[in-house]
Amino acid sequence: MPKNTTRPASTIRRAENKFMKPQGAPRGLLNFYALWKISTKPMSGYQLMQEIEARTEGAWRPGPGAIYPVLKKLAGEGYIKGTKGAKKGSSQMVYEITAIGRSRIAGDRKAFRSSGEKWTLMRRVFSDAMGPEDLSRFIIESPSRHFEFVHELMLSNGDRISPEDKLYLLRQYNLLLGRELNWSEKALKTLAGSGTSKAPAGQAQVLEANQR
């Protein structure tokens, strides 16, 4: 008798829900970010969860089941050490970085940068699977978020980027924006010449929403 190859509905729903889980992110990213963040100041697991949620505007919300095993593992390997909170009767552990923890951060930065580059390239996979309206929104919103991110890096990074480096980076960024503007103007002229003058209804709504 042939084996039934149809996946149960519950299995399909679980697979679909993986895209929706707010705590979803590569485990290696959580390990690295937890270690790096604790190196900037002592933190509890709860504070780390709040920090990640705030920094990603809620897009990534690792829960206790993700955070605390990572902290326990890092502590067990000697990269961080935990002490009871200062408040009397508090059972909350506050973690601080160790010397070998700082050494690990330095060694992991290259791998972390490589992972970030790979995730940037993964956008092509997501865009392939999008419908027309979602793709239109993605094309408009992605640059907007990128611009906000660059503004934040330039204005709020303290001593991480020197004034001289900021000047150089902004000049390079300005050149890139000029190239993009030239490209978009040429593309607009080409489309106008082909008789394309009006965006489809769904795309027009996306454009109007982002111009408000």
C-alpha atoms as a PDB file:
ATOM      1  CA  MET A   1       0.000   0.000   0.000  1.00  0.00           C
ATOM      2  CA  PRO A   2       1.520   3.387  -1.003  1.00  0.00           C
ATOM      3  CA  LYS A   3       2.696   5.551   1.862  1.00  0.00           C
ATOM      4  CA  ASN A   4       0.684   8.733   2.402  1.00  0.00           C
ATOM      5  CA  THR A   5       3.073  11.588   1.603  1.00  0.00           C
ATOM      6  CA  THR A   6       0.619  14.376   2.476  1.00  0.00           C
ATOM      7  CA  ARG A   7       1.909  16.454   5.386  1.00  0.00           C
ATOM      8  CA  PRO A   8      -0.534  16.827   8.288  1.00  0.00           C
ATOM      9  CA  ALA A   9      -2.159  20.259   8.539  1.00  0.00           C
ATOM     10  CA  SER A  10      -0.610  20.786  11.985  1.00  0.00           C
ATOM     11  CA  THR A  11       2.882  20.227  10.528  1.00  0.00           C
ATOM     12  CA  ILE A  12       2.220  22.725   7.728  1.00  0.00           C
ATOM     13  CA  ARG A  13       0.976  25.322  10.245  1.00  0.00           C
ATOM     14  CA  ARG A  14       4.107  24.854  12.370  1.00  0.00           C
ATOM     15  CA  ALA A  15       6.307  25.380   9.308  1.00  0.00           C
ATOM     16  CA  GLU A  16       4.393  28.520   8.346  1.00  0.00           C
ATOM     17  CA  ASN A  17       4.550  29.925  11.870  1.00  0.00           C
ATOM     18  CA  LYS A  18       8.368  29.793  11.845  1.00  0.00           C
ATOM     19  CA  PHE A  19       8.305  32.959   9.739  1.00  0.00           C
ATOM     20  CA  MET A  20       6.129  34.701  12.331  1.00  0.00           C
ATOM     21  CA  LYS A  21       7.967  33.874  15.558  1.00  0.00           C
ATOM     22  CA  PRO A  22       9.246  37.153  17.046  1.00  0.00           C
ATOM     23  CA  GLN A  23      12.247  35.453  18.642  1.00  0.00           C
ATOM     24  CA  GLY A  24      13.430  33.972  15.343  1.00  0.00           C
ATOM     25  CA  ALA A  25      17.052  34.793  14.492  1.00  0.00           C
ATOM     26  CA  PRO A  26      20.286  32.824  14.020  1.00  0.00           C
ATOM     27  CA  ARG A  27      21.435  31.408  17.360  1.00  0.00           C
ATOM     28  CA  GLY A  28      25.004  32.488  16.641  1.00  0.00           C
ATOM     29  CA  LEU A  29      23.776  36.069  16.411  1.00  0.00           C
ATOM     30  CA  LEU A  30      22.245  35.863  19.881  1.00  0.00           C
ATOM     31  CA  ASN A  31      25.459  34.406  21.317  1.00  0.00           C
ATOM     32  CA  PHE A  32      27.595  37.136  19.823  1.00  0.00           C
ATOM     33  CA  TYR A  33      25.255  40.026  20.584  1.00  0.00           C
ATOM     34  CA  ALA A  34      24.725  38.902  24.194  1.00  0.00           C
ATOM     35  CA  LEU A  35      28.481  38.687  24.746  1.00  0.00           C
ATOM     36  CA  TRP A  36      29.152  42.023  23.066  1.00  0.00           C
ATOM     37  CA  LYS A  37      26.332  43.834  24.872  1.00  0.00           C
ATOM     38  CA  ILE A  38      27.462  42.550  28.260  1.00  0.00           C
ATOM     39  CA  SER A  39      30.958  43.788  27.413  1.00  0.00           C
ATOM     40  CA  THR A  40      29.569  47.343  27.242  1.00  0.00           C
ATOM     41  CA  LYS A  41      27.996  47.150  30.709  1.00  0.00           C
ATOM     42  CA  PRO A  42      26.847  44.471  33.199  1.00  0.00           C
ATOM     43  CA  MET A  43      23.342  43.250  32.357  1.00  0.00           C
ATOM     44  CA  SER A  44      20.718  40.777  33.488  1.00  0.00           C
ATOM     45  CA  GLY A  45      18.968  38.431  31.088  1.00  0.00           C
ATOM     46  CA  TYR A  46      15.804  40.510  31.332  1.00  0.00           C
ATOM     47  CA  GLN A  47      17.668  43.713  30.479  1.00  0.00           C
ATOM     48  CA  LEU A  48      19.254  41.975  27.490  1.00  0.00           C
ATOM     49  CA  MET A  49      15.828  40.885  26.221  1.00  0.00           C
ATOM     50  CA  GLN A  50      14.540  44.449  26.554  1.00  0.00           C
ATOM     51  CA  GLU A  51      17.605  45.854  24.809  1.00  0.00           C
ATOM     52  CA  ILE A  52      17.273  43.534  21.798  1.00  0.00           C
ATOM     53  CA  GLU A  53      13.556  44.231  21.442  1.00  0.00           C
ATOM     54  CA  ALA A  54      14.133  48.001  21.632  1.00  0.00           C
ATOM     55  CA  ARG A  55      17.034  47.977  19.163  1.00  0.00           C
ATOM     56  CA  THR A  56      15.035  45.981  16.589  1.00  0.00           C
ATOM     57  CA  GLU A  57      11.749  47.848  17.190  1.00  0.00           C
ATOM     58  CA  GLY A  58      10.148  44.566  18.244  1.00  0.00           C
ATOM     59  CA  ALA A  59      11.210  42.647  15.121  1.00  0.00           C
ATOM     60  CA  TRP A  60      13.345  40.324  17.262  1.00  0.00           C
ATOM     61  CA  ARG A  61      12.129  39.393  20.730  1.00  0.00           C
ATOM     62  CA  PRO A  62      14.070  36.431  22.127  1.00  0.00           C
ATOM     63  CA  GLY A  63      12.256  35.001  25.121  1.00  0.00           C
ATOM     64  CA  PRO A  64      13.629  33.536  28.371  1.00  0.00           C
ATOM     65  CA  GLY A  65      13.858  30.103  26.726  1.00  0.00           C
ATOM     66  CA  ALA A  66      16.368  31.519  24.246  1.00  0.00           C
ATOM     67  CA  ILE A  67      18.225  34.081  26.385  1.00  0.00           C
ATOM     68  CA  TYR A  68      18.953  32.186  29.592  1.00  0.00           C
ATOM     69  CA  PRO A  69      20.439  29.005  28.017  1.00  0.00           C
ATOM     70  CA  VAL A  70      22.792  31.256  26.012  1.00  0.00           C
ATOM     71  CA  LEU A  71      23.863  33.143  29.153  1.00  0.00           C
ATOM     72  CA  LYS A  72      24.323  29.879  31.052  1.00  0.00           C
ATOM     73  CA  LYS A  73      26.480  28.501  28.235  1.00  0.00           C
ATOM     74  CA  LEU A  74      28.611  31.655  28.011  1.00  0.00           C
ATOM     75  CA  ALA A  75      29.090  31.640  31.783  1.00  0.00           C
ATOM     76  CA  GLY A  76      29.967  27.931  31.785  1.00  0.00           C
ATOM     77  CA  GLU A  77      32.645  28.567  29.173  1.00  0.00           C
ATOM     78  CA  GLY A  78      34.099  31.414  31.243  1.00  0.00           C
ATOM     79  CA  TYR A  79      33.243  34.247  28.832  1.00  0.00           C
ATOM     80  CA  ILE A  80      30.955  35.997  31.333  1.00  0.00           C
ATOM     81  CA  LYS A  81      30.380  35.712  35.061  1.00  0.00           C
ATOM     82  CA  GLY A  82      27.154  36.226  36.972  1.00  0.00           C
ATOM     83  CA  THR A  83      26.496  37.690  40.396  1.00  0.00           C
ATOM     84  CA  LYS A  84      23.270  38.196  42.308  1.00  0.00           C
ATOM     85  CA  GLY A  85      21.592  41.563  41.825  1.00  0.00           C
ATOM     86  CA  ALA A  86      22.373  44.395  44.241  1.00  0.00           C
ATOM     87  CA  LYS A  87      18.795  44.583  45.545  1.00  0.00           C
ATOM     88  CA  LYS A  88      18.298  42.758  48.821  1.00  0.00           C
ATOM     89  CA  GLY A  89      16.553  39.432  48.300  1.00  0.00           C
ATOM     90  CA  SER A  90      16.911  39.619  44.523  1.00  0.00           C
ATOM     91  CA  SER A  91      17.590  36.326  42.749  1.00  0.00           C
ATOM     92  CA  GLN A  92      18.264  38.026  39.432  1.00  0.00           C
ATOM     93  CA  MET A  93      21.711  37.353  37.999  1.00  0.00           C
ATOM     94  CA  VAL A  94      23.696  40.235  36.562  1.00  0.00           C
ATOM     95  CA  TYR A  95      26.415  39.258  34.094  1.00  0.00           C
ATOM     96  CA  GLU A  96      29.701  40.950  33.276  1.00  0.00           C
ATOM     97  CA  ILE A  97      32.366  40.189  30.711  1.00  0.00           C
ATOM     98  CA  THR A  98      35.620  38.379  31.530  1.00  0.00           C
ATOM     99  CA  ALA A  99      39.050  38.813  29.953  1.00  0.00           C
ATOM    100  CA  ILE A 100      38.666  35.720  27.760  1.00  0.00           C
ATOM    101  CA  GLY A 101      35.200  36.966  26.848  1.00  0.00           C
ATOM    102  CA  ARG A 102      36.710  40.134  25.416  1.00  0.00           C
ATOM    103  CA  SER A 103      39.230  38.024  23.499  1.00  0.00           C
ATOM    104  CA  ARG A 104      36.422  35.965  22.006  1.00  0.00           C
ATOM    105  CA  ILE A 105      34.595  39.099  20.829  1.00  0.00           C
ATOM    106  CA  ALA A 106      37.682  40.223  18.961  1.00  0.00           C
ATOM    107  CA  GLY A 107      38.004  36.810  17.316  1.00  0.00           C
ATOM    108  CA  ASP A 108      34.317  36.545  16.386  1.00  0.00           C
ATOM    109  CA  ARG A 109      33.980  39.948  14.713  1.00  0.00           C
ATOM    110  CA  LYS A 110      35.155  38.710  11.308  1.00  0.00           C
ATOM    111  CA  ALA A 111      32.718  35.783  11.314  1.00  0.00           C
ATOM    112  CA  PHE A 112      29.939  38.099  12.480  1.00  0.00           C
ATOM    113  CA  ARG A 113      30.622  40.524   9.617  1.00  0.00           C
ATOM    114  CA  SER A 114      30.508  37.640   7.130  1.00  0.00           C
ATOM    115  CA  SER A 115      27.143  36.513   8.534  1.00  0.00           C
ATOM    116  CA  GLY A 116      25.774  40.034   8.156  1.00  0.00           C
ATOM    117  CA  GLU A 117      26.831  40.118   4.506  1.00  0.00           C
ATOM    118  CA  LYS A 118      25.127  36.772   3.877  1.00  0.00           C
ATOM    119  CA  TRP A 119      21.870  37.978   5.444  1.00  0.00           C
ATOM    120  CA  THR A 120      21.968  41.044   3.185  1.00  0.00           C
ATOM    121  CA  LEU A 121      22.239  38.776   0.142  1.00  0.00           C
ATOM    122  CA  MET A 122      19.308  36.688   1.435  1.00  0.00           C
ATOM    123  CA  ARG A 123      16.984  39.570   0.546  1.00  0.00           C
ATOM    124  CA  ARG A 124      16.901  38.223  -3.015  1.00  0.00           C
ATOM    125  CA  VAL A 125      15.363  34.976  -1.788  1.00  0.00           C
ATOM    126  CA  PHE A 126      12.645  36.825   0.138  1.00  0.00           C
ATOM    127  CA  SER A 127      11.885  39.147  -2.773  1.00  0.00           C
ATOM    128  CA  ASP A 128      11.491  36.182  -5.162  1.00  0.00           C
ATOM    129  CA  ALA A 129       8.629  34.846  -3.033  1.00  0.00           C
ATOM    130  CA  MET A 130       6.771  38.161  -2.603  1.00  0.00           C
ATOM    131  CA  GLY A 131       3.575  39.156  -4.358  1.00  0.00           C
ATOM    132  CA  PRO A 132       3.466  42.372  -6.458  1.00  0.00           C
ATOM    133  CA  GLU A 133       2.079  44.626  -3.703  1.00  0.00           C
ATOM    134  CA  ASP A 134       4.455  43.268  -1.055  1.00  0.00           C
ATOM    135  CA  LEU A 135       7.373  43.650  -3.458  1.00  0.00           C
ATOM    136  CA  SER A 136       6.406  47.281  -4.102  1.00  0.00           C
ATOM    137  CA  ARG A 137       6.307  47.954  -0.362  1.00  0.00           C
ATOM    138  CA  PHE A 138       9.660  46.211   0.076  1.00  0.00           C
ATOM    139  CA  ILE A 139      11.298  48.327  -2.653  1.00  0.00           C
ATOM    140  CA  ILE A 140      10.057  51.568  -1.066  1.00  0.00           C
ATOM    141  CA  GLU A 141      10.513  50.719   2.614  1.00  0.00           C
ATOM    142  CA  SER A 142      13.950  49.060   2.412  1.00  0.00           C
ATOM    143  CA  PRO A 143      15.830  52.226   1.340  1.00  0.00           C
ATOM    144  CA  SER A 144      13.876  54.297   3.884  1.00  0.00           C
ATOM    145  CA  ARG A 145      14.940  52.004   6.716  1.00  0.00           C
ATOM    146  CA  HIS A 146      18.490  51.969   5.386  1.00  0.00           C
ATOM    147  CA  PHE A 147      18.626  55.782   5.384  1.00  0.00           C
ATOM    148  CA  GLU A 148      17.326  55.891   8.969  1.00  0.00           C
ATOM    149  CA  PHE A 149      19.958  53.340   9.967  1.00  0.00           C
ATOM    150  CA  VAL A 150      22.795  55.367   8.386  1.00  0.00           C
ATOM    151  CA  HIS A 151      21.567  58.553  10.096  1.00  0.00           C
ATOM    152  CA  GLU A 152      21.584  56.741  13.426  1.00  0.00           C
ATOM    153  CA  LEU A 153      25.102  55.390  12.878  1.00  0.00           C
ATOM    154  CA  MET A 154      26.444  58.802  11.955  1.00  0.00           C
ATOM    155  CA  LEU A 155      24.738  60.755  14.739  1.00  0.00           C
ATOM    156  CA  SER A 156      24.720  58.452  17.753  1.00  0.00           C
ATOM    157  CA  ASN A 157      27.853  56.347  17.722  1.00  0.00           C
ATOM    158  CA  GLY A 158      29.939  58.437  20.080  1.00  0.00           C
ATOM    159  CA  ASP A 159      33.618  57.512  19.909  1.00  0.00           C
ATOM    160  CA  ARG A 160      33.123  54.387  17.787  1.00  0.00           C
ATOM    161  CA  ILE A 161      33.529  56.447  14.593  1.00  0.00           C
ATOM    162  CA  SER A 162      35.958  59.364  14.667  1.00  0.00           C
ATOM    163  CA  PRO A 163      34.973  62.749  13.123  1.00  0.00           C
ATOM    164  CA  GLU A 164      37.571  62.199  10.381  1.00  0.00           C
ATOM    165  CA  ASP A 165      36.129  58.775   9.537  1.00  0.00           C
ATOM    166  CA  LYS A 166      32.599  60.175   9.568  1.00  0.00           C
ATOM    167  CA  LEU A 167      33.632  62.851   7.095  1.00  0.00           C
ATOM    168  CA  TYR A 168      35.172  60.243   4.778  1.00  0.00           C
ATOM    169  CA  LEU A 169      32.193  57.874   5.102  1.00  0.00           C
ATOM    170  CA  LEU A 170      29.659  60.616   4.422  1.00  0.00           C
ATOM    171  CA  ARG A 171      31.555  61.689   1.310  1.00  0.00           C
ATOM    172  CA  GLN A 172      31.534  58.110   0.019  1.00  0.00           C
ATOM    173  CA  TYR A 173      27.871  57.766   0.924  1.00  0.00           C
ATOM    174  CA  ASN A 174      27.107  60.980  -0.926  1.00  0.00           C
ATOM    175  CA  LEU A 175      28.802  59.566  -4.046  1.00  0.00           C
ATOM    176  CA  LEU A 176      26.728  56.382  -3.812  1.00  0.00           C
ATOM    177  CA  LEU A 177      23.512  58.379  -3.479  1.00  0.00           C
ATOM    178  CA  GLY A 178      24.492  60.429  -6.533  1.00  0.00           C
ATOM    179  CA  ARG A 179      24.989  57.252  -8.564  1.00  0.00           C
ATOM    180  CA  GLU A 180      21.614  55.914  -7.433  1.00  0.00           C
ATOM    181  CA  LEU A 181      19.919  59.197  -8.342  1.00  0.00           C
ATOM    182  CA  ASN A 182      21.492  59.110 -11.812  1.00  0.00           C
ATOM    183  CA  TRP A 183      20.382  55.507 -12.291  1.00  0.00           C
ATOM    184  CA  SER A 184      16.796  56.191 -11.159  1.00  0.00           C
ATOM    185  CA  GLU A 185      16.511  59.247 -13.427  1.00  0.00           C
ATOM    186  CA  LYS A 186      17.671  57.214 -16.446  1.00  0.00           C
ATOM    187  CA  ALA A 187      15.255  54.396 -15.538  1.00  0.00           C
ATOM    188  CA  LEU A 188      12.393  56.902 -15.248  1.00  0.00           C
ATOM    189  CA  LYS A 189      13.163  58.338 -18.689  1.00  0.00           C
ATOM    190  CA  THR A 190      13.285  54.837 -20.184  1.00  0.00           C
ATOM    191  CA  LEU A 191       9.931  53.891 -18.658  1.00  0.00           C
ATOM    192  CA  ALA A 192       8.358  57.207 -19.679  1.00  0.00           C
ATOM    193  CA  GLY A 193       9.585  56.641 -23.238  1.00  0.00           C
ATOM    194  CA  SER A 194       7.981  53.207 -23.312  1.00  0.00           C
ATOM    195  CA  GLY A 195       4.574  54.692 -22.456  1.00  0.00           C
ATOM    196  CA  THR A 196       4.552  53.613 -18.802  1.00  0.00           C
ATOM    197  CA  SER A 197       3.275  56.635 -16.930  1.00  0.00           C
ATOM    198  CA  LYS A 198       1.033  55.347 -14.164  1.00  0.00           C
ATOM    199  CA  ALA A 199       1.711  52.879 -11.359  1.00  0.00           C
ATOM    200  CA  PRO A 200      -0.734  49.970 -10.876  1.00  0.00           C
ATOM    201  CA  ALA A 201      -3.384  50.593  -8.218  1.00  0.00           C
ATOM    202  CA  GLY A 202      -1.737  48.472  -5.502  1.00  0.00           C
ATOM    203  CA  GLN A 203       1.687  50.043  -6.061  1.00  0.00           C
ATOM    204  CA  ALA A 204       0.203  53.547  -6.116  1.00  0.00           C
ATOM    205  CA  GLN A 205      -1.310  52.952  -2.657  1.00  0.00           C
ATOM    206  CA  VAL A 206       2.083  51.850  -1.332  1.00  0.00           C
ATOM    207  CA  LEU A 207       3.757  54.978  -2.737  1.00  0.00           C
ATOM    208  CA  GLU A 208       1.073  57.271  -1.295  1.00  0.00           C
ATOM    209  CA  ALA A 209       1.331  55.627   2.144  1.00  0.00           C
ATOM    210  CA  ASN A 210       5.102  56.181   2.247  1.00  0.00           C
ATOM    211  CA  GLN A 211       4.843  59.808   1.153  1.00  0.00           C
ATOM    212  CA  ARG A 212       2.574  60.777   4.061  1.00  0.00           C
END
